[in-house]
Amino acid sequence: MKSPREYSTRQDHFVTVWAAPVFGTNDTERFQFHKYRYNLETHLFQFSDDRMKDIRMACGMEQLWEASFYKNAIEEMLECRQFLQFSFALLFYLEPDSQAEIFKPT
């Protein structure tokens, strides 16, 4: 295995060492990766929501406006993750001669 300094970029190192062996590079594995990440981010959403409730109760506040953007950001992230996940399902059903190469890794 190469040392981290031998890779051309940090992303190259991540894909080669971490992402590819675990999730691979084909479309089915990418779909599973986004499903896995969606589940992790759902837990993050629940944790942050519970944490904001705890802070509101501790401070005696009815609403914690300053931190509500965290909840909104995680909701957007979940929506984007789900969109990415199902874009790979669409790719599976595309004709081979269509413009599917934009989805393929280089």
PDB file of N, CA and C in Angstrom:
ATOM      1  N   MET A   1       0.847  -1.181   0.000  1.00  0.00           N
ATOM      2  CA  MET A   1       0.000   0.000   0.000  1.00  0.00           C
ATOM      3  C   MET A   1       0.891   1.242   0.000  1.00  0.00           C
ATOM      4  N   LYS A   2       0.470   2.245  -0.749  1.00  0.00           N
ATOM      5  CA  LYS A   2       1.233   3.488  -0.849  1.00  0.00           C
ATOM      6  C   LYS A   2       1.098   4.299   0.438  1.00  0.00           C
ATOM      7  N   SER A   3       2.099   5.117   0.678  1.00  0.00           N
ATOM      8  CA  SER A   3       1.972   6.059   1.782  1.00  0.00           C
ATOM      9  C   SER A   3       1.112   7.226   1.296  1.00  0.00           C
ATOM     10  N   PRO A   4       0.472   7.984   2.198  1.00  0.00           N
ATOM     11  CA  PRO A   4      -0.380   9.097   1.770  1.00  0.00           C
ATOM     12  C   PRO A   4       0.333  10.114   0.895  1.00  0.00           C
ATOM     13  N   ARG A   5       1.636  10.284   1.043  1.00  0.00           N
ATOM     14  CA  ARG A   5       2.377  11.262   0.244  1.00  0.00           C
ATOM     15  C   ARG A   5       2.546  10.824  -1.209  1.00  0.00           C
ATOM     16  N   GLU A   6       2.383   9.548  -1.492  1.00  0.00           N
ATOM     17  CA  GLU A   6       2.579   9.043  -2.849  1.00  0.00           C
ATOM     18  C   GLU A   6       1.356   9.231  -3.745  1.00  0.00           C
ATOM     19  N   TYR A   7       0.238   9.620  -3.188  1.00  0.00           N
ATOM     20  CA  TYR A   7      -0.956   9.855  -3.995  1.00  0.00           C
ATOM     21  C   TYR A   7      -0.923  11.273  -4.548  1.00  0.00           C
ATOM     22  N   SER A   8      -1.533  11.465  -5.713  1.00  0.00           N
ATOM     23  CA  SER A   8      -1.475  12.776  -6.361  1.00  0.00           C
ATOM     24  C   SER A   8      -2.315  13.812  -5.626  1.00  0.00           C
ATOM     25  N   THR A   9      -3.454  13.406  -5.098  1.00  0.00           N
ATOM     26  CA  THR A   9      -4.308  14.339  -4.364  1.00  0.00           C
ATOM     27  C   THR A   9      -4.855  13.660  -3.122  1.00  0.00           C
ATOM     28  N   ARG A  10      -5.388  14.461  -2.258  1.00  0.00           N
ATOM     29  CA  ARG A  10      -6.011  13.931  -1.053  1.00  0.00           C
ATOM     30  C   ARG A  10      -7.241  13.095  -1.415  1.00  0.00           C
ATOM     31  N   GLN A  11      -7.990  13.564  -2.407  1.00  0.00           N
ATOM     32  CA  GLN A  11      -9.174  12.834  -2.842  1.00  0.00           C
ATOM     33  C   GLN A  11      -8.779  11.482  -3.430  1.00  0.00           C
ATOM     34  N   ASP A  12      -7.694  11.462  -4.195  1.00  0.00           N
ATOM     35  CA  ASP A  12      -7.177  10.220  -4.759  1.00  0.00           C
ATOM     36  C   ASP A  12      -6.892   9.214  -3.645  1.00  0.00           C
ATOM     37  N   HIS A  13      -6.267   9.692  -2.583  1.00  0.00           N
ATOM     38  CA  HIS A  13      -5.945   8.839  -1.442  1.00  0.00           C
ATOM     39  C   HIS A  13      -7.215   8.321  -0.789  1.00  0.00           C
ATOM     40  N   PHE A  14      -8.189   9.191  -0.579  1.00  0.00           N
ATOM     41  CA  PHE A  14      -9.434   8.773   0.064  1.00  0.00           C
ATOM     42  C   PHE A  14     -10.143   7.707  -0.756  1.00  0.00           C
ATOM     43  N   VAL A  15     -10.288   7.948  -2.063  1.00  0.00           N
ATOM     44  CA  VAL A  15     -11.009   7.005  -2.923  1.00  0.00           C
ATOM     45  C   VAL A  15     -10.287   5.671  -2.980  1.00  0.00           C
ATOM     46  N   THR A  16      -8.968   5.691  -3.111  1.00  0.00           N
ATOM     47  CA  THR A  16      -8.210   4.452  -3.244  1.00  0.00           C
ATOM     48  C   THR A  16      -8.174   3.660  -1.944  1.00  0.00           C
ATOM     49  N   VAL A  17      -7.943   4.342  -0.833  1.00  0.00           N
ATOM     50  CA  VAL A  17      -7.743   3.644   0.429  1.00  0.00           C
ATOM     51  C   VAL A  17      -9.040   3.368   1.170  1.00  0.00           C
ATOM     52  N   TRP A  18      -9.964   4.333   1.177  1.00  0.00           N
ATOM     53  CA  TRP A  18     -11.149   4.180   2.014  1.00  0.00           C
ATOM     54  C   TRP A  18     -12.418   3.860   1.240  1.00  0.00           C
ATOM     55  N   ALA A  19     -12.759   4.656   0.259  1.00  0.00           N
ATOM     56  CA  ALA A  19     -14.064   4.501  -0.392  1.00  0.00           C
ATOM     57  C   ALA A  19     -14.134   3.290  -1.305  1.00  0.00           C
ATOM     58  N   ALA A  20     -13.150   3.108  -2.160  1.00  0.00           N
ATOM     59  CA  ALA A  20     -13.226   2.026  -3.147  1.00  0.00           C
ATOM     60  C   ALA A  20     -13.264   0.636  -2.518  1.00  0.00           C
ATOM     61  N   PRO A  21     -12.403   0.307  -1.541  1.00  0.00           N
ATOM     62  CA  PRO A  21     -12.483  -1.043  -0.987  1.00  0.00           C
ATOM     63  C   PRO A  21     -13.787  -1.320  -0.252  1.00  0.00           C
ATOM     64  N   VAL A  22     -14.356  -0.302   0.368  1.00  0.00           N
ATOM     65  CA  VAL A  22     -15.580  -0.505   1.136  1.00  0.00           C
ATOM     66  C   VAL A  22     -16.804  -0.438   0.247  1.00  0.00           C
ATOM     67  N   PHE A  23     -16.897   0.575  -0.587  1.00  0.00           N
ATOM     68  CA  PHE A  23     -18.107   0.802  -1.372  1.00  0.00           C
ATOM     69  C   PHE A  23     -17.926   0.561  -2.858  1.00  0.00           C
ATOM     70  N   GLY A  24     -16.701   0.383  -3.319  1.00  0.00           N
ATOM     71  CA  GLY A  24     -16.466   0.094  -4.723  1.00  0.00           C
ATOM     72  C   GLY A  24     -16.765   1.278  -5.617  1.00  0.00           C
ATOM     73  N   THR A  25     -16.782   1.009  -6.891  1.00  0.00           N
ATOM     74  CA  THR A  25     -16.999   2.093  -7.837  1.00  0.00           C
ATOM     75  C   THR A  25     -18.141   1.821  -8.797  1.00  0.00           C
ATOM     76  N   ASN A  26     -18.806   0.674  -8.701  1.00  0.00           N
ATOM     77  CA  ASN A  26     -19.918   0.470  -9.628  1.00  0.00           C
ATOM     78  C   ASN A  26     -21.190   1.112  -9.086  1.00  0.00           C
ATOM     79  N   ASP A  27     -22.210   1.189  -9.923  1.00  0.00           N
ATOM     80  CA  ASP A  27     -23.413   1.949  -9.592  1.00  0.00           C
ATOM     81  C   ASP A  27     -24.181   1.367  -8.411  1.00  0.00           C
ATOM     82  N   THR A  28     -24.242   0.054  -8.307  1.00  0.00           N
ATOM     83  CA  THR A  28     -24.955  -0.569  -7.193  1.00  0.00           C
ATOM     84  C   THR A  28     -24.294  -0.226  -5.876  1.00  0.00           C
ATOM     85  N   GLU A  29     -22.968  -0.256  -5.852  1.00  0.00           N
ATOM     86  CA  GLU A  29     -22.254   0.070  -4.621  1.00  0.00           C
ATOM     87  C   GLU A  29     -22.380   1.549  -4.278  1.00  0.00           C
ATOM     88  N   ARG A  30     -22.426   2.407  -5.270  1.00  0.00           N
ATOM     89  CA  ARG A  30     -22.637   3.839  -5.002  1.00  0.00           C
ATOM     90  C   ARG A  30     -24.025   4.070  -4.423  1.00  0.00           C
ATOM     91  N   PHE A  31     -25.019   3.367  -4.976  1.00  0.00           N
ATOM     92  CA  PHE A  31     -26.379   3.467  -4.453  1.00  0.00           C
ATOM     93  C   PHE A  31     -26.394   3.062  -2.979  1.00  0.00           C
ATOM     94  N   GLN A  32     -25.738   1.957  -2.646  1.00  0.00           N
ATOM     95  CA  GLN A  32     -25.674   1.489  -1.263  1.00  0.00           C
ATOM     96  C   GLN A  32     -24.919   2.477  -0.375  1.00  0.00           C
ATOM     97  N   PHE A  33     -23.876   3.104  -0.917  1.00  0.00           N
ATOM     98  CA  PHE A  33     -23.120   4.089  -0.159  1.00  0.00           C
ATOM     99  C   PHE A  33     -24.011   5.265   0.240  1.00  0.00           C
ATOM    100  N   HIS A  34     -24.784   5.781  -0.721  1.00  0.00           N
ATOM    101  CA  HIS A  34     -25.652   6.917  -0.412  1.00  0.00           C
ATOM    102  C   HIS A  34     -26.763   6.508   0.550  1.00  0.00           C
ATOM    103  N   LYS A  35     -27.231   5.297   0.450  1.00  0.00           N
ATOM    104  CA  LYS A  35     -28.231   4.791   1.399  1.00  0.00           C
ATOM    105  C   LYS A  35     -27.628   4.712   2.804  1.00  0.00           C
ATOM    106  N   TYR A  36     -26.411   4.211   2.892  1.00  0.00           N
ATOM    107  CA  TYR A  36     -25.701   4.115   4.162  1.00  0.00           C
ATOM    108  C   TYR A  36     -25.489   5.498   4.774  1.00  0.00           C
ATOM    109  N   ARG A  37     -25.032   6.447   3.955  1.00  0.00           N
ATOM    110  CA  ARG A  37     -24.804   7.803   4.445  1.00  0.00           C
ATOM    111  C   ARG A  37     -26.111   8.478   4.850  1.00  0.00           C
ATOM    112  N   TYR A  38     -27.187   8.213   4.124  1.00  0.00           N
ATOM    113  CA  TYR A  38     -28.492   8.774   4.463  1.00  0.00           C
ATOM    114  C   TYR A  38     -28.901   8.310   5.858  1.00  0.00           C
ATOM    115  N   ASN A  39     -28.694   7.033   6.145  1.00  0.00           N
ATOM    116  CA  ASN A  39     -29.028   6.512   7.471  1.00  0.00           C
ATOM    117  C   ASN A  39     -28.178   7.164   8.551  1.00  0.00           C
ATOM    118  N   LEU A  40     -26.885   7.346   8.287  1.00  0.00           N
ATOM    119  CA  LEU A  40     -26.022   8.018   9.261  1.00  0.00           C
ATOM    120  C   LEU A  40     -26.469   9.456   9.496  1.00  0.00           C
ATOM    121  N   GLU A  41     -26.807  10.149   8.424  1.00  0.00           N
ATOM    122  CA  GLU A  41     -27.206  11.545   8.550  1.00  0.00           C
ATOM    123  C   GLU A  41     -28.583  11.681   9.195  1.00  0.00           C
ATOM    124  N   THR A  42     -29.425  10.660   9.076  1.00  0.00           N
ATOM    125  CA  THR A  42     -30.704  10.664   9.784  1.00  0.00           C
ATOM    126  C   THR A  42     -30.461  10.620  11.289  1.00  0.00           C
ATOM    127  N   HIS A  43     -29.499   9.806  11.704  1.00  0.00           N
ATOM    128  CA  HIS A  43     -29.146   9.760  13.125  1.00  0.00           C
ATOM    129  C   HIS A  43     -28.559  11.096  13.579  1.00  0.00           C
ATOM    130  N   LEU A  44     -27.773  11.726  12.727  1.00  0.00           N
ATOM    131  CA  LEU A  44     -27.228  13.048  13.033  1.00  0.00           C
ATOM    132  C   LEU A  44     -28.355  14.055  13.229  1.00  0.00           C
ATOM    133  N   PHE A  45     -29.367  13.989  12.367  1.00  0.00           N
ATOM    134  CA  PHE A  45     -30.514  14.883  12.470  1.00  0.00           C
ATOM    135  C   PHE A  45     -31.236  14.678  13.804  1.00  0.00           C
ATOM    136  N   GLN A  46     -31.469  13.424  14.167  1.00  0.00           N
ATOM    137  CA  GLN A  46     -32.158  13.132  15.424  1.00  0.00           C
ATOM    138  C   GLN A  46     -31.331  13.598  16.620  1.00  0.00           C
ATOM    139  N   PHE A  47     -30.023  13.369  16.567  1.00  0.00           N
ATOM    140  CA  PHE A  47     -29.152  13.795  17.650  1.00  0.00           C
ATOM    141  C   PHE A  47     -29.161  15.308  17.801  1.00  0.00           C
ATOM    142  N   SER A  48     -29.036  16.027  16.687  1.00  0.00           N
ATOM    143  CA  SER A  48     -28.998  17.488  16.772  1.00  0.00           C
ATOM    144  C   SER A  48     -30.338  18.049  17.232  1.00  0.00           C
ATOM    145  N   ASP A  49     -31.430  17.423  16.815  1.00  0.00           N
ATOM    146  CA  ASP A  49     -32.750  17.866  17.258  1.00  0.00           C
ATOM    147  C   ASP A  49     -32.908  17.655  18.764  1.00  0.00           C
ATOM    148  N   ASP A  50     -32.492  16.499  19.258  1.00  0.00           N
ATOM    149  CA  ASP A  50     -32.552  16.234  20.700  1.00  0.00           C
ATOM    150  C   ASP A  50     -31.660  17.198  21.472  1.00  0.00           C
ATOM    151  N   ARG A  51     -30.499  17.469  20.934  1.00  0.00           N
ATOM    152  CA  ARG A  51     -29.559  18.381  21.596  1.00  0.00           C
ATOM    153  C   ARG A  51     -30.133  19.795  21.664  1.00  0.00           C
ATOM    154  N   MET A  52     -30.777  20.251  20.590  1.00  0.00           N
ATOM    155  CA  MET A  52     -31.384  21.586  20.611  1.00  0.00           C
ATOM    156  C   MET A  52     -32.527  21.649  21.621  1.00  0.00           C
ATOM    157  N   LYS A  53     -33.291  20.572  21.746  1.00  0.00           N
ATOM    158  CA  LYS A  53     -34.359  20.537  22.753  1.00  0.00           C
ATOM    159  C   LYS A  53     -33.781  20.632  24.158  1.00  0.00           C
ATOM    160  N   ASP A  54     -32.676  19.919  24.402  1.00  0.00           N
ATOM    161  CA  ASP A  54     -32.021  19.984  25.711  1.00  0.00           C
ATOM    162  C   ASP A  54     -31.537  21.394  26.020  1.00  0.00           C
ATOM    163  N   ILE A  55     -30.947  22.045  25.042  1.00  0.00           N
ATOM    164  CA  ILE A  55     -30.444  23.411  25.242  1.00  0.00           C
ATOM    165  C   ILE A  55     -31.602  24.366  25.501  1.00  0.00           C
ATOM    166  N   ARG A  56     -32.692  24.218  24.747  1.00  0.00           N
ATOM    167  CA  ARG A  56     -33.861  25.085  24.962  1.00  0.00           C
ATOM    168  C   ARG A  56     -34.409  24.917  26.368  1.00  0.00           C
ATOM    169  N   MET A  57     -34.500  23.672  26.831  1.00  0.00           N
ATOM    170  CA  MET A  57     -35.030  23.435  28.176  1.00  0.00           C
ATOM    171  C   MET A  57     -34.091  23.990  29.238  1.00  0.00           C
ATOM    172  N   ALA A  58     -32.787  23.834  29.036  1.00  0.00           N
ATOM    173  CA  ALA A  58     -31.813  24.326  30.009  1.00  0.00           C
ATOM    174  C   ALA A  58     -31.823  25.847  30.088  1.00  0.00           C
ATOM    175  N   CYS A  59     -32.049  26.502  28.962  1.00  0.00           N
ATOM    176  CA  CYS A  59     -32.044  27.966  28.926  1.00  0.00           C
ATOM    177  C   CYS A  59     -33.421  28.555  29.198  1.00  0.00           C
ATOM    178  N   GLY A  60     -34.441  27.717  29.230  1.00  0.00           N
ATOM    179  CA  GLY A  60     -35.792  28.209  29.444  1.00  0.00           C
ATOM    180  C   GLY A  60     -36.338  28.969  28.250  1.00  0.00           C
ATOM    181  N   MET A  61     -35.888  28.621  27.070  1.00  0.00           N
ATOM    182  CA  MET A  61     -36.331  29.301  25.858  1.00  0.00           C
ATOM    183  C   MET A  61     -37.405  28.470  25.170  1.00  0.00           C
ATOM    184  N   GLU A  62     -38.323  29.175  24.514  1.00  0.00           N
ATOM    185  CA  GLU A  62     -39.355  28.467  23.769  1.00  0.00           C
ATOM    186  C   GLU A  62     -38.819  27.983  22.428  1.00  0.00           C
ATOM    187  N   GLN A  63     -37.999  28.795  21.784  1.00  0.00           N
ATOM    188  CA  GLN A  63     -37.427  28.434  20.487  1.00  0.00           C
ATOM    189  C   GLN A  63     -35.975  28.871  20.461  1.00  0.00           C
ATOM    190  N   LEU A  64     -35.139  28.086  19.867  1.00  0.00           N
ATOM    191  CA  LEU A  64     -33.720  28.395  19.771  1.00  0.00           C
ATOM    192  C   LEU A  64     -33.408  28.768  18.325  1.00  0.00           C
ATOM    193  N   TRP A  65     -33.694  30.018  17.960  1.00  0.00           N
ATOM    194  CA  TRP A  65     -33.556  30.466  16.577  1.00  0.00           C
ATOM    195  C   TRP A  65     -32.119  30.453  16.103  1.00  0.00           C
ATOM    196  N   GLU A  66     -31.183  30.707  17.009  1.00  0.00           N
ATOM    197  CA  GLU A  66     -29.785  30.804  16.608  1.00  0.00           C
ATOM    198  C   GLU A  66     -29.236  29.480  16.078  1.00  0.00           C
ATOM    199  N   ALA A  67     -29.783  28.372  16.539  1.00  0.00           N
ATOM    200  CA  ALA A  67     -29.264  27.063  16.128  1.00  0.00           C
ATOM    201  C   ALA A  67     -30.205  26.310  15.196  1.00  0.00           C
ATOM    202  N   SER A  68     -31.302  26.913  14.822  1.00  0.00           N
ATOM    203  CA  SER A  68     -32.252  26.198  13.961  1.00  0.00           C
ATOM    204  C   SER A  68     -31.703  25.979  12.558  1.00  0.00           C
ATOM    205  N   PHE A  69     -30.686  26.753  12.174  1.00  0.00           N
ATOM    206  CA  PHE A  69     -30.111  26.549  10.843  1.00  0.00           C
ATOM    207  C   PHE A  69     -29.415  25.195  10.748  1.00  0.00           C
ATOM    208  N   TYR A  70     -28.958  24.632  11.872  1.00  0.00           N
ATOM    209  CA  TYR A  70     -28.376  23.287  11.841  1.00  0.00           C
ATOM    210  C   TYR A  70     -29.407  22.266  11.369  1.00  0.00           C
ATOM    211  N   LYS A  71     -30.588  22.372  11.928  1.00  0.00           N
ATOM    212  CA  LYS A  71     -31.662  21.450  11.562  1.00  0.00           C
ATOM    213  C   LYS A  71     -32.016  21.613  10.085  1.00  0.00           C
ATOM    214  N   ASN A  72     -32.105  22.849   9.633  1.00  0.00           N
ATOM    215  CA  ASN A  72     -32.413  23.104   8.221  1.00  0.00           C
ATOM    216  C   ASN A  72     -31.311  22.575   7.306  1.00  0.00           C
ATOM    217  N   ALA A  73     -30.061  22.749   7.712  1.00  0.00           N
ATOM    218  CA  ALA A  73     -28.939  22.272   6.895  1.00  0.00           C
ATOM    219  C   ALA A  73     -28.941  20.750   6.791  1.00  0.00           C
ATOM    220  N   ILE A  74     -29.221  20.077   7.877  1.00  0.00           N
ATOM    221  CA  ILE A  74     -29.247  18.614   7.846  1.00  0.00           C
ATOM    222  C   ILE A  74     -30.422  18.117   7.021  1.00  0.00           C
ATOM    223  N   GLU A  75     -31.567  18.803   7.100  1.00  0.00           N
ATOM    224  CA  GLU A  75     -32.711  18.422   6.262  1.00  0.00           C
ATOM    225  C   GLU A  75     -32.361  18.545   4.782  1.00  0.00           C
ATOM    226  N   GLU A  76     -31.675  19.624   4.409  1.00  0.00           N
ATOM    227  CA  GLU A  76     -31.254  19.801   3.016  1.00  0.00           C
ATOM    228  C   GLU A  76     -30.245  18.728   2.606  1.00  0.00           C
ATOM    229  N   MET A  77     -29.334  18.411   3.511  1.00  0.00           N
ATOM    230  CA  MET A  77     -28.341  17.388   3.226  1.00  0.00           C
ATOM    231  C   MET A  77     -29.004  16.031   2.999  1.00  0.00           C
ATOM    232  N   LEU A  78     -30.011  15.710   3.803  1.00  0.00           N
ATOM    233  CA  LEU A  78     -30.740  14.453   3.630  1.00  0.00           C
ATOM    234  C   LEU A  78     -31.464  14.411   2.291  1.00  0.00           C
ATOM    235  N   GLU A  79     -32.060  15.527   1.925  1.00  0.00           N
ATOM    236  CA  GLU A  79     -32.764  15.588   0.642  1.00  0.00           C
ATOM    237  C   GLU A  79     -31.790  15.410  -0.526  1.00  0.00           C
ATOM    238  N   CYS A  80     -30.639  16.061  -0.453  1.00  0.00           N
ATOM    239  CA  CYS A  80     -29.628  15.923  -1.510  1.00  0.00           C
ATOM    240  C   CYS A  80     -29.072  14.507  -1.559  1.00  0.00           C
ATOM    241  N   ARG A  81     -28.863  13.912  -0.415  1.00  0.00           N
ATOM    242  CA  ARG A  81     -28.345  12.547  -0.366  1.00  0.00           C
ATOM    243  C   ARG A  81     -29.321  11.575  -1.025  1.00  0.00           C
ATOM    244  N   GLN A  82     -30.605  11.766  -0.751  1.00  0.00           N
ATOM    245  CA  GLN A  82     -31.610  10.895  -1.352  1.00  0.00           C
ATOM    246  C   GLN A  82     -31.670  11.104  -2.869  1.00  0.00           C
ATOM    247  N   PHE A  83     -31.532  12.345  -3.305  1.00  0.00           N
ATOM    248  CA  PHE A  83     -31.501  12.629  -4.738  1.00  0.00           C
ATOM    249  C   PHE A  83     -30.319  11.927  -5.399  1.00  0.00           C
ATOM    250  N   LEU A  84     -29.143  12.017  -4.775  1.00  0.00           N
ATOM    251  CA  LEU A  84     -27.963  11.343  -5.312  1.00  0.00           C
ATOM    252  C   LEU A  84     -28.157   9.833  -5.362  1.00  0.00           C
ATOM    253  N   GLN A  85     -28.730   9.300  -4.301  1.00  0.00           N
ATOM    254  CA  GLN A  85     -28.942   7.856  -4.243  1.00  0.00           C
ATOM    255  C   GLN A  85     -29.783   7.379  -5.420  1.00  0.00           C
ATOM    256  N   PHE A  86     -30.876   8.050  -5.693  1.00  0.00           N
ATOM    257  CA  PHE A  86     -31.766   7.590  -6.748  1.00  0.00           C
ATOM    258  C   PHE A  86     -31.309   8.016  -8.138  1.00  0.00           C
ATOM    259  N   SER A  87     -30.356   8.928  -8.223  1.00  0.00           N
ATOM    260  CA  SER A  87     -29.796   9.226  -9.542  1.00  0.00           C
ATOM    261  C   SER A  87     -28.999   8.035 -10.062  1.00  0.00           C
ATOM    262  N   PHE A  88     -28.406   7.253  -9.178  1.00  0.00           N
ATOM    263  CA  PHE A  88     -27.694   6.057  -9.616  1.00  0.00           C
ATOM    264  C   PHE A  88     -28.658   4.957 -10.034  1.00  0.00           C
ATOM    265  N   ALA A  89     -29.840   4.918  -9.458  1.00  0.00           N
ATOM    266  CA  ALA A  89     -30.853   3.968  -9.923  1.00  0.00           C
ATOM    267  C   ALA A  89     -31.294   4.339 -11.336  1.00  0.00           C
ATOM    268  N   LEU A  90     -31.436   5.619 -11.600  1.00  0.00           N
ATOM    269  CA  LEU A  90     -31.772   6.082 -12.946  1.00  0.00           C
ATOM    270  C   LEU A  90     -30.668   5.696 -13.929  1.00  0.00           C
ATOM    271  N   LEU A  91     -29.441   5.851 -13.520  1.00  0.00           N
ATOM    272  CA  LEU A  91     -28.304   5.505 -14.365  1.00  0.00           C
ATOM    273  C   LEU A  91     -28.331   4.034 -14.762  1.00  0.00           C
ATOM    274  N   PHE A  92     -28.783   3.193 -13.870  1.00  0.00           N
ATOM    275  CA  PHE A  92     -28.845   1.758 -14.151  1.00  0.00           C
ATOM    276  C   PHE A  92     -29.751   1.466 -15.340  1.00  0.00           C
ATOM    277  N   TYR A  93     -30.844   2.226 -15.473  1.00  0.00           N
ATOM    278  CA  TYR A  93     -31.820   1.962 -16.522  1.00  0.00           C
ATOM    279  C   TYR A  93     -31.579   2.755 -17.810  1.00  0.00           C
ATOM    280  N   LEU A  94     -30.564   3.604 -17.848  1.00  0.00           N
ATOM    281  CA  LEU A  94     -30.271   4.358 -19.066  1.00  0.00           C
ATOM    282  C   LEU A  94     -29.709   3.445 -20.149  1.00  0.00           C
ATOM    283  N   GLU A  95     -29.967   3.817 -21.373  1.00  0.00           N
ATOM    284  CA  GLU A  95     -29.406   3.080 -22.507  1.00  0.00           C
ATOM    285  C   GLU A  95     -27.886   3.251 -22.518  1.00  0.00           C
ATOM    286  N   PRO A  96     -27.155   2.225 -22.926  1.00  0.00           N
ATOM    287  CA  PRO A  96     -25.687   2.312 -22.923  1.00  0.00           C
ATOM    288  C   PRO A  96     -25.125   3.420 -23.813  1.00  0.00           C
ATOM    289  N   ASP A  97     -25.817   3.765 -24.896  1.00  0.00           N
ATOM    290  CA  ASP A  97     -25.285   4.786 -25.797  1.00  0.00           C
ATOM    291  C   ASP A  97     -25.768   6.196 -25.454  1.00  0.00           C
ATOM    292  N   SER A  98     -26.483   6.349 -24.357  1.00  0.00           N
ATOM    293  CA  SER A  98     -26.955   7.682 -23.957  1.00  0.00           C
ATOM    294  C   SER A  98     -25.811   8.463 -23.313  1.00  0.00           C
ATOM    295  N   GLN A  99     -26.129   9.604 -22.771  1.00  0.00           N
ATOM    296  CA  GLN A  99     -25.095  10.460 -22.178  1.00  0.00           C
ATOM    297  C   GLN A  99     -24.808  10.070 -20.733  1.00  0.00           C
ATOM    298  N   ALA A 100     -24.760   8.798 -20.463  1.00  0.00           N
ATOM    299  CA  ALA A 100     -24.515   8.309 -19.108  1.00  0.00           C
ATOM    300  C   ALA A 100     -23.069   8.492 -18.669  1.00  0.00           C
ATOM    301  N   GLU A 101     -22.176   8.815 -19.600  1.00  0.00           N
ATOM    302  CA  GLU A 101     -20.769   8.940 -19.232  1.00  0.00           C
ATOM    303  C   GLU A 101     -20.514  10.096 -18.269  1.00  0.00           C
ATOM    304  N   ILE A 102     -21.447  11.034 -18.139  1.00  0.00           N
ATOM    305  CA  ILE A 102     -21.242  12.124 -17.175  1.00  0.00           C
ATOM    306  C   ILE A 102     -21.279  11.604 -15.745  1.00  0.00           C
ATOM    307  N   PHE A 103     -21.908  10.447 -15.528  1.00  0.00           N
ATOM    308  CA  PHE A 103     -21.978   9.859 -14.198  1.00  0.00           C
ATOM    309  C   PHE A 103     -20.781   8.971 -13.885  1.00  0.00           C
ATOM    310  N   LYS A 104     -20.054   8.566 -14.892  1.00  0.00           N
ATOM    311  CA  LYS A 104     -18.969   7.604 -14.709  1.00  0.00           C
ATOM    312  C   LYS A 104     -17.727   8.294 -14.163  1.00  0.00           C
ATOM    313  N   PRO A 105     -17.015   7.624 -13.247  1.00  0.00           N
ATOM    314  CA  PRO A 105     -15.769   8.209 -12.740  1.00  0.00           C
ATOM    315  C   PRO A 105     -14.701   8.189 -13.818  1.00  0.00           C
ATOM    316  N   THR A 106     -13.812   9.158 -13.748  1.00  0.00           N
ATOM    317  CA  THR A 106     -12.740   9.227 -14.749  1.00  0.00           C
ATOM    318  C   THR A 106     -11.480   8.593 -14.230  1.00  0.00           C
TER     319      THR A 106
END
